[in-house]
Amino acid sequence: MAGTGLPIKDLQPVTTQPAPIPSNPVPAAEAEKWAAVARIGDQIGAFADKIQAGLDAREKARLETDAENTVTDLMARHPNDPGAFRQGLEAARNGVLGTVSLRYGDVARNAYDAAGARGYRTVVRASVEQARKTTADALDARADRLTAQVMGFAAAGNTADMAQALDSYARLTDETV
C-alpha cells in the first residue's frame, strides 16, 4: 500500500459473467389456463365497478331525497324565520354528515347545501312579504285612524284639531309614496 511501506500487489481487473437465467418455459396449456384466469378476474373487476356505481347512484338519490324532505319540513316549521330555518338546516346537515361514510360525505354536503339554498330563498321571500304585509296593514290602520279623526273633528266643527289631523295624514301619505 502506498505510503505505508507495505508491498503493493498487482491488481487485475475482475470480469464476471452474468449468471445464466434459468429456463423454465410454461407449457402452452398452462399459459392458456392462466390467461383464462386473468380474463375472469378482469370481468369480475368490471362487474364490481358496475355494482359500486349502482350503489353510489342509489345512495346519492337517497341523500338528495332526505335533504329535500328535511328542507320541506323546515320550511313548514319556519315559514317566515330565515334564522331558525338556517339553524335547523345546519343541525340536520351536521347530523347527516356525522352518520354517512366518508365516501358519501361530499354528496351529502352538496345535497343539503343545494336544497337548503333553495329553501332559504323561499323562506327569505316569505319573510320579506310578511314584513311588507305587516307594514302595509299598520299603515292602513294608521290611515283609517287619522281619517276617523279628521271626520270626527270636522263633524264637531273643531277646525284646529282637524287641520292637525289632516297634516298628520298628509305626512303619512308622503312617507308611503
C-alpha atoms as a PDB file:
ATOM      1  CA  MET A   1       0.000   0.000   0.000  1.00  0.00           C
ATOM      2  CA  ALA A   2       1.294   3.341  -0.947  1.00  0.00           C
ATOM      3  CA  GLY A   3       2.787   5.377   1.810  1.00  0.00           C
ATOM      4  CA  THR A   4       2.616   2.531   4.356  1.00  0.00           C
ATOM      5  CA  GLY A   5       5.733   0.686   3.345  1.00  0.00           C
ATOM      6  CA  LEU A   6       3.762  -2.452   2.561  1.00  0.00           C
ATOM      7  CA  PRO A   7       4.223  -4.119  -0.801  1.00  0.00           C
ATOM      8  CA  ILE A   8       1.577  -3.306  -3.471  1.00  0.00           C
ATOM      9  CA  LYS A   9       0.034  -6.234  -5.289  1.00  0.00           C
ATOM     10  CA  ASP A  10      -0.701  -6.058  -8.940  1.00  0.00           C
ATOM     11  CA  LEU A  11      -4.413  -5.517  -9.268  1.00  0.00           C
ATOM     12  CA  GLN A  12      -6.060  -7.253 -12.164  1.00  0.00           C
ATOM     13  CA  PRO A  13      -9.489  -6.178 -13.423  1.00  0.00           C
ATOM     14  CA  VAL A  14     -12.187  -8.565 -12.426  1.00  0.00           C
ATOM     15  CA  THR A  15     -14.631  -9.591 -15.087  1.00  0.00           C
ATOM     16  CA  THR A  16     -17.682 -11.566 -14.247  1.00  0.00           C
ATOM     17  CA  GLN A  17     -20.164 -13.203 -16.447  1.00  0.00           C
ATOM     18  CA  PRO A  18     -23.846 -12.837 -15.544  1.00  0.00           C
ATOM     19  CA  ALA A  19     -25.386 -15.917 -14.082  1.00  0.00           C
ATOM     20  CA  PRO A  20     -27.424 -17.838 -16.560  1.00  0.00           C
ATOM     21  CA  ILE A  21     -31.190 -17.241 -16.349  1.00  0.00           C
ATOM     22  CA  PRO A  22     -32.907 -20.476 -15.537  1.00  0.00           C
ATOM     23  CA  SER A  23     -35.105 -21.544 -18.334  1.00  0.00           C
ATOM     24  CA  ASN A  24     -38.419 -22.876 -17.135  1.00  0.00           C
ATOM     25  CA  PRO A  25     -40.828 -22.500 -20.002  1.00  0.00           C
ATOM     26  CA  VAL A  26     -44.510 -22.637 -19.135  1.00  0.00           C
ATOM     27  CA  PRO A  27     -46.298 -25.155 -21.262  1.00  0.00           C
ATOM     28  CA  ALA A  28     -48.841 -23.621 -23.652  1.00  0.00           C
ATOM     29  CA  ALA A  29     -51.780 -25.329 -21.946  1.00  0.00           C
ATOM     30  CA  GLU A  30     -50.690 -23.929 -18.578  1.00  0.00           C
ATOM     31  CA  ALA A  31     -50.290 -20.407 -20.043  1.00  0.00           C
ATOM     32  CA  GLU A  32     -53.792 -20.581 -21.529  1.00  0.00           C
ATOM     33  CA  LYS A  33     -55.214 -21.520 -18.132  1.00  0.00           C
ATOM     34  CA  TRP A  34     -53.562 -18.502 -16.516  1.00  0.00           C
ATOM     35  CA  ALA A  35     -54.774 -16.244 -19.333  1.00  0.00           C
ATOM     36  CA  ALA A  36     -58.326 -17.520 -18.735  1.00  0.00           C
ATOM     37  CA  VAL A  37     -57.987 -16.789 -15.012  1.00  0.00           C
ATOM     38  CA  ALA A  38     -56.801 -13.257 -15.839  1.00  0.00           C
ATOM     39  CA  ARG A  39     -59.792 -12.698 -18.171  1.00  0.00           C
ATOM     40  CA  ILE A  40     -62.208 -13.874 -15.488  1.00  0.00           C
ATOM     41  CA  GLY A  41     -60.540 -11.554 -12.984  1.00  0.00           C
ATOM     42  CA  ASP A  42     -60.972  -8.630 -15.386  1.00  0.00           C
ATOM     43  CA  GLN A  43     -64.652  -9.486 -15.810  1.00  0.00           C
ATOM     44  CA  ILE A  44     -65.164  -9.692 -12.065  1.00  0.00           C
ATOM     45  CA  GLY A  45     -63.472  -6.294 -11.646  1.00  0.00           C
ATOM     46  CA  ALA A  46     -65.687  -4.698 -14.317  1.00  0.00           C
ATOM     47  CA  PHE A  47     -68.810  -6.212 -12.738  1.00  0.00           C
ATOM     48  CA  ALA A  48     -67.754  -4.953  -9.290  1.00  0.00           C
ATOM     49  CA  ASP A  49     -67.299  -1.452 -10.756  1.00  0.00           C
ATOM     50  CA  LYS A  50     -70.854  -1.584 -12.133  1.00  0.00           C
ATOM     51  CA  ILE A  51     -72.234  -2.717  -8.789  1.00  0.00           C
ATOM     52  CA  GLN A  52     -70.387   0.088  -6.991  1.00  0.00           C
ATOM     53  CA  ALA A  53     -71.673   2.670  -9.493  1.00  0.00           C
ATOM     54  CA  GLY A  54     -75.226   1.461  -8.826  1.00  0.00           C
ATOM     55  CA  LEU A  55     -74.713   1.646  -5.070  1.00  0.00           C
ATOM     56  CA  ASP A  56     -73.276   5.160  -5.396  1.00  0.00           C
ATOM     57  CA  ALA A  57     -76.247   6.317  -7.511  1.00  0.00           C
ATOM     58  CA  ARG A  58     -78.710   4.824  -5.008  1.00  0.00           C
ATOM     59  CA  GLU A  59     -77.016   6.499  -2.037  1.00  0.00           C
ATOM     60  CA  LYS A  60     -76.835   9.845  -3.851  1.00  0.00           C
ATOM     61  CA  ALA A  61     -80.559   9.681  -4.650  1.00  0.00           C
ATOM     62  CA  ARG A  62     -81.357   8.759  -1.040  1.00  0.00           C
ATOM     63  CA  LEU A  63     -79.291  11.638   0.349  1.00  0.00           C
ATOM     64  CA  GLU A  64     -80.816  14.137  -2.096  1.00  0.00           C
ATOM     65  CA  THR A  65     -84.341  12.963  -1.216  1.00  0.00           C
ATOM     66  CA  ASP A  66     -83.601  13.181   2.511  1.00  0.00           C
ATOM     67  CA  ALA A  67     -82.215  16.708   2.056  1.00  0.00           C
ATOM     68  CA  GLU A  68     -85.300  17.832   0.110  1.00  0.00           C
ATOM     69  CA  ASN A  69     -87.623  16.306   2.738  1.00  0.00           C
ATOM     70  CA  THR A  70     -85.696  17.977   5.556  1.00  0.00           C
ATOM     71  CA  VAL A  71     -85.831  21.361   3.815  1.00  0.00           C
ATOM     72  CA  THR A  72     -89.572  20.997   3.148  1.00  0.00           C
ATOM     73  CA  ASP A  73     -90.141  20.183   6.818  1.00  0.00           C
ATOM     74  CA  LEU A  74     -88.037  23.157   7.959  1.00  0.00           C
ATOM     75  CA  MET A  75     -89.885  25.491   5.573  1.00  0.00           C
ATOM     76  CA  ALA A  76     -93.176  24.360   7.100  1.00  0.00           C
ATOM     77  CA  ARG A  77     -91.887  24.859  10.660  1.00  0.00           C
ATOM     78  CA  HIS A  78     -90.183  28.231   9.990  1.00  0.00           C
ATOM     79  CA  PRO A  79     -92.056  29.845   7.072  1.00  0.00           C
ATOM     80  CA  ASN A  80     -91.114  33.436   7.977  1.00  0.00           C
ATOM     81  CA  ASP A  81     -87.970  32.961  10.052  1.00  0.00           C
ATOM     82  CA  PRO A  82     -84.797  32.621   7.964  1.00  0.00           C
ATOM     83  CA  GLY A  83     -82.578  32.438  11.074  1.00  0.00           C
ATOM     84  CA  ALA A  84     -84.454  29.490  12.581  1.00  0.00           C
ATOM     85  CA  PHE A  85     -84.570  27.809   9.162  1.00  0.00           C
ATOM     86  CA  ARG A  86     -80.798  28.147   8.780  1.00  0.00           C
ATOM     87  CA  GLN A  87     -80.120  26.798  12.288  1.00  0.00           C
ATOM     88  CA  GLY A  88     -82.387  23.820  11.694  1.00  0.00           C
ATOM     89  CA  LEU A  89     -80.735  23.134   8.345  1.00  0.00           C
ATOM     90  CA  GLU A  90     -77.227  23.275   9.817  1.00  0.00           C
ATOM     91  CA  ALA A  91     -78.220  20.907  12.628  1.00  0.00           C
ATOM     92  CA  ALA A  92     -79.781  18.438  10.172  1.00  0.00           C
ATOM     93  CA  ARG A  93     -76.833  18.682   7.759  1.00  0.00           C
ATOM     94  CA  ASN A  94     -74.259  18.151  10.520  1.00  0.00           C
ATOM     95  CA  GLY A  95     -76.267  15.228  11.880  1.00  0.00           C
ATOM     96  CA  VAL A  96     -76.261  13.530   8.493  1.00  0.00           C
ATOM     97  CA  LEU A  97     -72.574  14.265   7.910  1.00  0.00           C
ATOM     98  CA  GLY A  98     -71.850  12.605  11.251  1.00  0.00           C
ATOM     99  CA  THR A  99     -73.544   9.379  10.165  1.00  0.00           C
ATOM    100  CA  VAL A 100     -72.667   8.862   6.478  1.00  0.00           C
ATOM    101  CA  SER A 101     -69.463   7.162   5.396  1.00  0.00           C
ATOM    102  CA  LEU A 102     -66.612   9.351   4.204  1.00  0.00           C
ATOM    103  CA  ARG A 103     -67.251   8.125   0.668  1.00  0.00           C
ATOM    104  CA  TYR A 104     -70.601   9.963   0.629  1.00  0.00           C
ATOM    105  CA  GLY A 105     -69.697  12.991   2.767  1.00  0.00           C
ATOM    106  CA  ASP A 106     -69.351  15.360  -0.188  1.00  0.00           C
ATOM    107  CA  VAL A 107     -72.549  14.020  -1.764  1.00  0.00           C
ATOM    108  CA  ALA A 108     -74.481  14.677   1.457  1.00  0.00           C
ATOM    109  CA  ARG A 109     -72.924  18.124   1.918  1.00  0.00           C
ATOM    110  CA  ASN A 110     -73.763  19.141  -1.651  1.00  0.00           C
ATOM    111  CA  ALA A 111     -77.323  17.780  -1.414  1.00  0.00           C
ATOM    112  CA  TYR A 112     -78.066  19.673   1.807  1.00  0.00           C
ATOM    113  CA  ASP A 113     -76.378  22.849   0.567  1.00  0.00           C
ATOM    114  CA  ALA A 114     -78.310  22.886  -2.724  1.00  0.00           C
ATOM    115  CA  ALA A 115     -81.702  22.051  -1.188  1.00  0.00           C
ATOM    116  CA  GLY A 116     -81.026  24.408   1.707  1.00  0.00           C
ATOM    117  CA  ALA A 117     -80.190  27.318  -0.597  1.00  0.00           C
ATOM    118  CA  ARG A 118     -83.464  26.866  -2.487  1.00  0.00           C
ATOM    119  CA  GLY A 119     -85.434  26.585   0.741  1.00  0.00           C
ATOM    120  CA  TYR A 120     -83.669  29.551   2.318  1.00  0.00           C
ATOM    121  CA  ARG A 121     -84.508  31.796  -0.651  1.00  0.00           C
ATOM    122  CA  THR A 122     -88.155  30.790  -0.320  1.00  0.00           C
ATOM    123  CA  VAL A 123     -88.200  31.490   3.428  1.00  0.00           C
ATOM    124  CA  VAL A 124     -86.487  34.868   2.964  1.00  0.00           C
ATOM    125  CA  ARG A 125     -89.016  35.857   0.270  1.00  0.00           C
ATOM    126  CA  ALA A 126     -91.881  34.817   2.557  1.00  0.00           C
ATOM    127  CA  SER A 127     -90.325  36.757   5.426  1.00  0.00           C
ATOM    128  CA  VAL A 128     -89.960  39.902   3.294  1.00  0.00           C
ATOM    129  CA  GLU A 129     -93.525  39.516   2.025  1.00  0.00           C
ATOM    130  CA  GLN A 130     -94.782  39.091   5.595  1.00  0.00           C
ATOM    131  CA  ALA A 131     -92.885  42.216   6.670  1.00  0.00           C
ATOM    132  CA  ARG A 132     -94.385  44.175   3.750  1.00  0.00           C
ATOM    133  CA  LYS A 133     -97.870  42.968   4.616  1.00  0.00           C
ATOM    134  CA  THR A 134     -97.411  43.835   8.292  1.00  0.00           C
ATOM    135  CA  THR A 135     -96.112  47.285   7.371  1.00  0.00           C
ATOM    136  CA  ALA A 136     -98.952  47.840   4.904  1.00  0.00           C
ATOM    137  CA  ASP A 137    -101.512  46.731   7.499  1.00  0.00           C
ATOM    138  CA  ALA A 138    -100.010  49.089  10.082  1.00  0.00           C
ATOM    139  CA  LEU A 139    -100.067  51.987   7.607  1.00  0.00           C
ATOM    140  CA  ASP A 140    -103.657  51.206   6.635  1.00  0.00           C
ATOM    141  CA  ALA A 141    -104.694  51.137  10.291  1.00  0.00           C
ATOM    142  CA  ARG A 142    -102.945  54.467  10.900  1.00  0.00           C
ATOM    143  CA  ALA A 143    -104.595  55.997   7.822  1.00  0.00           C
ATOM    144  CA  ASP A 144    -108.003  54.710   8.964  1.00  0.00           C
ATOM    145  CA  ARG A 145    -107.457  56.188  12.432  1.00  0.00           C
ATOM    146  CA  LEU A 146    -106.416  59.583  11.002  1.00  0.00           C
ATOM    147  CA  THR A 147    -109.395  59.569   8.605  1.00  0.00           C
ATOM    148  CA  ALA A 148    -111.741  58.871  11.506  1.00  0.00           C
ATOM    149  CA  GLN A 149    -110.127  61.704  13.484  1.00  0.00           C
ATOM    150  CA  VAL A 150    -110.491  64.173  10.583  1.00  0.00           C
ATOM    151  CA  MET A 151    -114.134  63.163  10.146  1.00  0.00           C
ATOM    152  CA  GLY A 152    -114.797  63.454  13.869  1.00  0.00           C
ATOM    153  CA  PHE A 153    -113.136  66.869  14.166  1.00  0.00           C
ATOM    154  CA  ALA A 154    -114.976  68.080  11.051  1.00  0.00           C
ATOM    155  CA  ALA A 155    -118.329  66.882  12.401  1.00  0.00           C
ATOM    156  CA  ALA A 156    -117.622  68.614  15.717  1.00  0.00           C
ATOM    157  CA  GLY A 157    -116.508  71.803  13.971  1.00  0.00           C
ATOM    158  CA  ASN A 158    -113.071  71.596  15.575  1.00  0.00           C
ATOM    159  CA  THR A 159    -111.035  73.072  12.715  1.00  0.00           C
ATOM    160  CA  ALA A 160    -107.751  73.416  14.621  1.00  0.00           C
ATOM    161  CA  ASP A 161    -107.595  69.715  15.542  1.00  0.00           C
ATOM    162  CA  MET A 162    -108.931  68.808  12.099  1.00  0.00           C
ATOM    163  CA  ALA A 163    -106.089  70.766  10.447  1.00  0.00           C
ATOM    164  CA  GLN A 164    -103.574  68.990  12.666  1.00  0.00           C
ATOM    165  CA  ALA A 165    -105.070  65.561  11.807  1.00  0.00           C
ATOM    166  CA  LEU A 166    -105.021  66.450   8.073  1.00  0.00           C
ATOM    167  CA  ASP A 167    -101.357  67.452   8.395  1.00  0.00           C
ATOM    168  CA  SER A 168    -100.569  64.076  10.010  1.00  0.00           C
ATOM    169  CA  TYR A 169    -102.494  62.340   7.244  1.00  0.00           C
ATOM    170  CA  ALA A 170    -100.526  64.276   4.574  1.00  0.00           C
ATOM    171  CA  ARG A 171     -97.216  63.264   6.223  1.00  0.00           C
ATOM    172  CA  LEU A 172     -98.343  59.631   6.273  1.00  0.00           C
ATOM    173  CA  THR A 173     -99.159  59.645   2.582  1.00  0.00           C
ATOM    174  CA  ASP A 174     -95.842  61.368   1.789  1.00  0.00           C
ATOM    175  CA  GLU A 175     -93.938  58.675   3.736  1.00  0.00           C
ATOM    176  CA  THR A 176     -95.658  55.829   1.933  1.00  0.00           C
ATOM    177  CA  VAL A 177     -95.293  57.180  -1.590  1.00  0.00           C
END
